[in-house]
Amino acid sequence: MSELSVNGSSYEVDVPVGTSLAHVLRDELGLTGTKVACGEGHCGACTVQVDGVPTLSCITLVHTVGSRDVTTIEGLRDHPLVHAFVRTDALQCGFCTPGQIVSAAALVQANPEPSREEIRHAMAGNLCRCGTYPKIEEAIATWRG
């Protein structure tokens, strides 16, 4: 039995060692905003924050998380970045958007006014098959306005 802190709530989960955090979030806790695409930690769709740090939940084993705080896209539903992504039309199919926003939220928490180069660097691990990168960058650069 493991206890997880997710989006400010505590959960008890009983899963085998070797179970991914993404599996627990989606299948045990019903937090389906976290997407799994590659399942190998290459695309960033499954990004969540663990103690504020972007983390690939598809390759993070739940038993390694311990008492650290996990934040998913559901925990960021009222973050101004969500509105910035909509305002700048920074999504097309929307599959990568949760991971993009989670990564971007960690960036602006650490640096509220990142340069374009800092945005590109921080977001490099999040792939978008639709190619909305310029609009994603715009959303992050203008997230307060």
C-alpha atoms as a PDB file:
ATOM      1  CA  MET A   1       0.000   0.000   0.000  1.00  0.00           C
ATOM      2  CA  SER A   2       1.349   3.409  -0.987  1.00  0.00           C
ATOM      3  CA  GLU A   3       0.089   6.849  -0.124  1.00  0.00           C
ATOM      4  CA  LEU A   4       0.197   9.494  -2.836  1.00  0.00           C
ATOM      5  CA  SER A   5      -0.376  13.221  -2.615  1.00  0.00           C
ATOM      6  CA  VAL A   6      -1.964  14.328  -5.891  1.00  0.00           C
ATOM      7  CA  ASN A   7      -3.295  17.827  -6.515  1.00  0.00           C
ATOM      8  CA  GLY A   8      -3.436  18.460  -2.786  1.00  0.00           C
ATOM      9  CA  SER A   9      -5.371  15.298  -1.906  1.00  0.00           C
ATOM     10  CA  SER A  10      -4.075  12.073  -0.361  1.00  0.00           C
ATOM     11  CA  TYR A  11      -4.786   8.693  -1.928  1.00  0.00           C
ATOM     12  CA  GLU A  12      -3.994   5.156  -0.835  1.00  0.00           C
ATOM     13  CA  VAL A  13      -3.092   2.878  -3.722  1.00  0.00           C
ATOM     14  CA  ASP A  14      -2.284  -0.801  -3.711  1.00  0.00           C
ATOM     15  CA  VAL A  15      -0.441  -1.653  -6.907  1.00  0.00           C
ATOM     16  CA  PRO A  16       2.488  -3.961  -7.662  1.00  0.00           C
ATOM     17  CA  VAL A  17       6.044  -2.629  -7.590  1.00  0.00           C
ATOM     18  CA  GLY A  18       6.880  -1.617 -11.137  1.00  0.00           C
ATOM     19  CA  THR A  19       3.575   0.155 -11.792  1.00  0.00           C
ATOM     20  CA  SER A  20       3.962   3.500 -13.522  1.00  0.00           C
ATOM     21  CA  LEU A  21       2.721   6.730 -12.034  1.00  0.00           C
ATOM     22  CA  ALA A  22       0.758   7.338 -15.262  1.00  0.00           C
ATOM     23  CA  HIS A  23      -1.092   4.042 -14.807  1.00  0.00           C
ATOM     24  CA  VAL A  24      -2.035   4.900 -11.224  1.00  0.00           C
ATOM     25  CA  LEU A  25      -3.144   8.430 -12.108  1.00  0.00           C
ATOM     26  CA  ARG A  26      -5.292   7.319 -15.029  1.00  0.00           C
ATOM     27  CA  ASP A  27      -6.535   3.868 -14.084  1.00  0.00           C
ATOM     28  CA  GLU A  28      -6.598   3.913 -10.293  1.00  0.00           C
ATOM     29  CA  LEU A  29      -7.420   7.572  -9.573  1.00  0.00           C
ATOM     30  CA  GLY A  30      -9.391   8.432 -12.729  1.00  0.00           C
ATOM     31  CA  LEU A  31      -7.226  11.462 -13.540  1.00  0.00           C
ATOM     32  CA  THR A  32      -7.281  10.934 -17.298  1.00  0.00           C
ATOM     33  CA  GLY A  33      -5.930  14.368 -18.237  1.00  0.00           C
ATOM     34  CA  THR A  34      -2.455  12.849 -18.112  1.00  0.00           C
ATOM     35  CA  LYS A  35      -1.991  11.228 -21.522  1.00  0.00           C
ATOM     36  CA  VAL A  36       0.218   8.295 -22.464  1.00  0.00           C
ATOM     37  CA  ALA A  37       1.472   8.300 -26.032  1.00  0.00           C
ATOM     38  CA  CYS A  38       4.891   6.708 -26.467  1.00  0.00           C
ATOM     39  CA  GLY A  39       5.060   4.962 -23.093  1.00  0.00           C
ATOM     40  CA  GLU A  40       8.842   5.320 -23.206  1.00  0.00           C
ATOM     41  CA  GLY A  41       9.480   8.859 -21.933  1.00  0.00           C
ATOM     42  CA  HIS A  42      10.217  10.389 -25.334  1.00  0.00           C
ATOM     43  CA  CYS A  43       7.205  12.583 -26.091  1.00  0.00           C
ATOM     44  CA  GLY A  44       6.204  14.449 -22.919  1.00  0.00           C
ATOM     45  CA  ALA A  45       2.464  13.769 -23.233  1.00  0.00           C
ATOM     46  CA  CYS A  46       2.456  12.167 -19.782  1.00  0.00           C
ATOM     47  CA  THR A  47       4.231  15.050 -18.020  1.00  0.00           C
ATOM     48  CA  VAL A  48       3.169  15.788 -14.448  1.00  0.00           C
ATOM     49  CA  GLN A  49       4.981  17.749 -11.768  1.00  0.00           C
ATOM     50  CA  VAL A  50       6.592  15.990  -8.825  1.00  0.00           C
ATOM     51  CA  ASP A  51       7.442  18.612  -6.222  1.00  0.00           C
ATOM     52  CA  GLY A  52       7.154  21.214  -8.981  1.00  0.00           C
ATOM     53  CA  VAL A  53       9.541  19.479 -11.378  1.00  0.00           C
ATOM     54  CA  PRO A  54       8.251  18.232 -14.758  1.00  0.00           C
ATOM     55  CA  THR A  55       8.330  14.437 -14.633  1.00  0.00           C
ATOM     56  CA  LEU A  56       7.514  11.813 -17.248  1.00  0.00           C
ATOM     57  CA  SER A  57       4.873   9.757 -15.483  1.00  0.00           C
ATOM     58  CA  CYS A  58       4.948   6.881 -17.974  1.00  0.00           C
ATOM     59  CA  ILE A  59       8.480   5.938 -16.883  1.00  0.00           C
ATOM     60  CA  THR A  60       8.253   7.003 -13.232  1.00  0.00           C
ATOM     61  CA  LEU A  61       7.478   4.100 -10.959  1.00  0.00           C
ATOM     62  CA  VAL A  62       4.803   4.992  -8.448  1.00  0.00           C
ATOM     63  CA  HIS A  63       6.669   3.430  -5.541  1.00  0.00           C
ATOM     64  CA  THR A  64       9.548   5.909  -6.112  1.00  0.00           C
ATOM     65  CA  VAL A  65       7.306   8.950  -5.656  1.00  0.00           C
ATOM     66  CA  GLY A  66       6.819   8.474  -1.926  1.00  0.00           C
ATOM     67  CA  SER A  67       5.415  11.466  -0.082  1.00  0.00           C
ATOM     68  CA  ARG A  68       6.299  14.031  -2.756  1.00  0.00           C
ATOM     69  CA  ASP A  69       3.544  16.224  -4.186  1.00  0.00           C
ATOM     70  CA  VAL A  70       2.235  15.278  -7.625  1.00  0.00           C
ATOM     71  CA  THR A  71       0.454  17.887  -9.730  1.00  0.00           C
ATOM     72  CA  THR A  72      -1.468  16.864 -12.833  1.00  0.00           C
ATOM     73  CA  ILE A  73      -3.273  18.954 -15.425  1.00  0.00           C
ATOM     74  CA  GLU A  74      -6.414  18.608 -13.307  1.00  0.00           C
ATOM     75  CA  GLY A  75      -4.581  20.426 -10.523  1.00  0.00           C
ATOM     76  CA  LEU A  76      -3.763  23.261 -12.919  1.00  0.00           C
ATOM     77  CA  ARG A  77      -7.252  23.729 -14.373  1.00  0.00           C
ATOM     78  CA  ASP A  78      -7.428  27.336 -13.123  1.00  0.00           C
ATOM     79  CA  HIS A  79      -3.845  28.269 -14.025  1.00  0.00           C
ATOM     80  CA  PRO A  80      -3.601  31.328 -16.308  1.00  0.00           C
ATOM     81  CA  LEU A  81      -1.614  29.250 -18.811  1.00  0.00           C
ATOM     82  CA  VAL A  82      -4.741  27.264 -19.634  1.00  0.00           C
ATOM     83  CA  HIS A  83      -6.420  30.472 -20.747  1.00  0.00           C
ATOM     84  CA  ALA A  84      -3.261  31.605 -22.579  1.00  0.00           C
ATOM     85  CA  PHE A  85      -3.206  28.363 -24.596  1.00  0.00           C
ATOM     86  CA  VAL A  86      -6.845  28.916 -25.586  1.00  0.00           C
ATOM     87  CA  ARG A  87      -6.355  32.626 -26.311  1.00  0.00           C
ATOM     88  CA  THR A  88      -3.367  31.996 -28.603  1.00  0.00           C
ATOM     89  CA  ASP A  89      -4.912  28.897 -30.209  1.00  0.00           C
ATOM     90  CA  ALA A  90      -1.905  26.876 -29.032  1.00  0.00           C
ATOM     91  CA  LEU A  91      -3.569  23.530 -29.571  1.00  0.00           C
ATOM     92  CA  GLN A  92      -4.934  21.618 -32.467  1.00  0.00           C
ATOM     93  CA  CYS A  93      -5.783  18.020 -31.652  1.00  0.00           C
ATOM     94  CA  GLY A  94      -5.152  18.730 -27.951  1.00  0.00           C
ATOM     95  CA  PHE A  95      -3.523  15.408 -27.092  1.00  0.00           C
ATOM     96  CA  CYS A  96      -0.188  16.927 -26.055  1.00  0.00           C
ATOM     97  CA  THR A  97      -1.739  20.011 -24.439  1.00  0.00           C
ATOM     98  CA  PRO A  98      -1.943  18.700 -20.841  1.00  0.00           C
ATOM     99  CA  GLY A  99       1.758  17.804 -20.820  1.00  0.00           C
ATOM    100  CA  GLN A 100       2.642  21.085 -22.515  1.00  0.00           C
ATOM    101  CA  ILE A 101       0.746  23.112 -19.901  1.00  0.00           C
ATOM    102  CA  VAL A 102       2.201  21.132 -16.989  1.00  0.00           C
ATOM    103  CA  SER A 103       5.750  21.740 -18.274  1.00  0.00           C
ATOM    104  CA  ALA A 104       5.021  25.400 -19.006  1.00  0.00           C
ATOM    105  CA  ALA A 105       3.553  25.922 -15.517  1.00  0.00           C
ATOM    106  CA  ALA A 106       6.768  24.624 -13.956  1.00  0.00           C
ATOM    107  CA  LEU A 107       8.755  26.996 -16.165  1.00  0.00           C
ATOM    108  CA  VAL A 108       6.771  30.123 -15.271  1.00  0.00           C
ATOM    109  CA  GLN A 109       6.782  29.149 -11.594  1.00  0.00           C
ATOM    110  CA  ALA A 110      10.586  29.197 -11.685  1.00  0.00           C
ATOM    111  CA  ASN A 111      10.834  32.132 -14.114  1.00  0.00           C
ATOM    112  CA  PRO A 112       7.659  34.214 -14.604  1.00  0.00           C
ATOM    113  CA  GLU A 113       9.111  36.049 -17.609  1.00  0.00           C
ATOM    114  CA  PRO A 114      11.169  33.522 -19.582  1.00  0.00           C
ATOM    115  CA  SER A 115      12.911  34.538 -22.796  1.00  0.00           C
ATOM    116  CA  ARG A 116      11.949  32.846 -26.051  1.00  0.00           C
ATOM    117  CA  GLU A 117      15.141  30.785 -25.850  1.00  0.00           C
ATOM    118  CA  GLU A 118      14.353  29.718 -22.268  1.00  0.00           C
ATOM    119  CA  ILE A 119      10.857  28.708 -23.381  1.00  0.00           C
ATOM    120  CA  ARG A 120      12.216  26.630 -26.268  1.00  0.00           C
ATOM    121  CA  HIS A 121      14.733  24.956 -23.981  1.00  0.00           C
ATOM    122  CA  ALA A 122      12.199  24.167 -21.233  1.00  0.00           C
ATOM    123  CA  MET A 123       9.632  22.833 -23.692  1.00  0.00           C
ATOM    124  CA  ALA A 124      12.034  20.745 -25.790  1.00  0.00           C
ATOM    125  CA  GLY A 125      10.856  17.503 -24.153  1.00  0.00           C
ATOM    126  CA  ASN A 126       7.227  18.023 -25.159  1.00  0.00           C
ATOM    127  CA  LEU A 127       6.395  16.974 -28.699  1.00  0.00           C
ATOM    128  CA  CYS A 128       3.427  18.236 -30.695  1.00  0.00           C
ATOM    129  CA  ARG A 129       2.566  16.223 -33.790  1.00  0.00           C
ATOM    130  CA  CYS A 130       0.342  19.050 -35.039  1.00  0.00           C
ATOM    131  CA  GLY A 131       3.257  21.504 -34.998  1.00  0.00           C
ATOM    132  CA  THR A 132       1.722  24.263 -32.899  1.00  0.00           C
ATOM    133  CA  TYR A 133       5.115  25.175 -31.431  1.00  0.00           C
ATOM    134  CA  PRO A 134       5.009  28.913 -32.366  1.00  0.00           C
ATOM    135  CA  LYS A 135       1.613  29.307 -30.703  1.00  0.00           C
ATOM    136  CA  ILE A 136       2.710  27.322 -27.645  1.00  0.00           C
ATOM    137  CA  GLU A 137       5.699  29.644 -27.354  1.00  0.00           C
ATOM    138  CA  GLU A 138       3.398  32.668 -27.725  1.00  0.00           C
ATOM    139  CA  ALA A 139       1.073  31.352 -25.020  1.00  0.00           C
ATOM    140  CA  ILE A 140       3.941  30.950 -22.578  1.00  0.00           C
ATOM    141  CA  ALA A 141       5.501  34.310 -23.464  1.00  0.00           C
ATOM    142  CA  THR A 142       2.186  36.108 -22.968  1.00  0.00           C
ATOM    143  CA  TRP A 143       0.609  33.958 -20.235  1.00  0.00           C
ATOM    144  CA  ARG A 144      -0.176  36.896 -18.003  1.00  0.00           C
ATOM    145  CA  GLY A 145      -1.897  38.978 -20.614  1.00  0.00           C
END
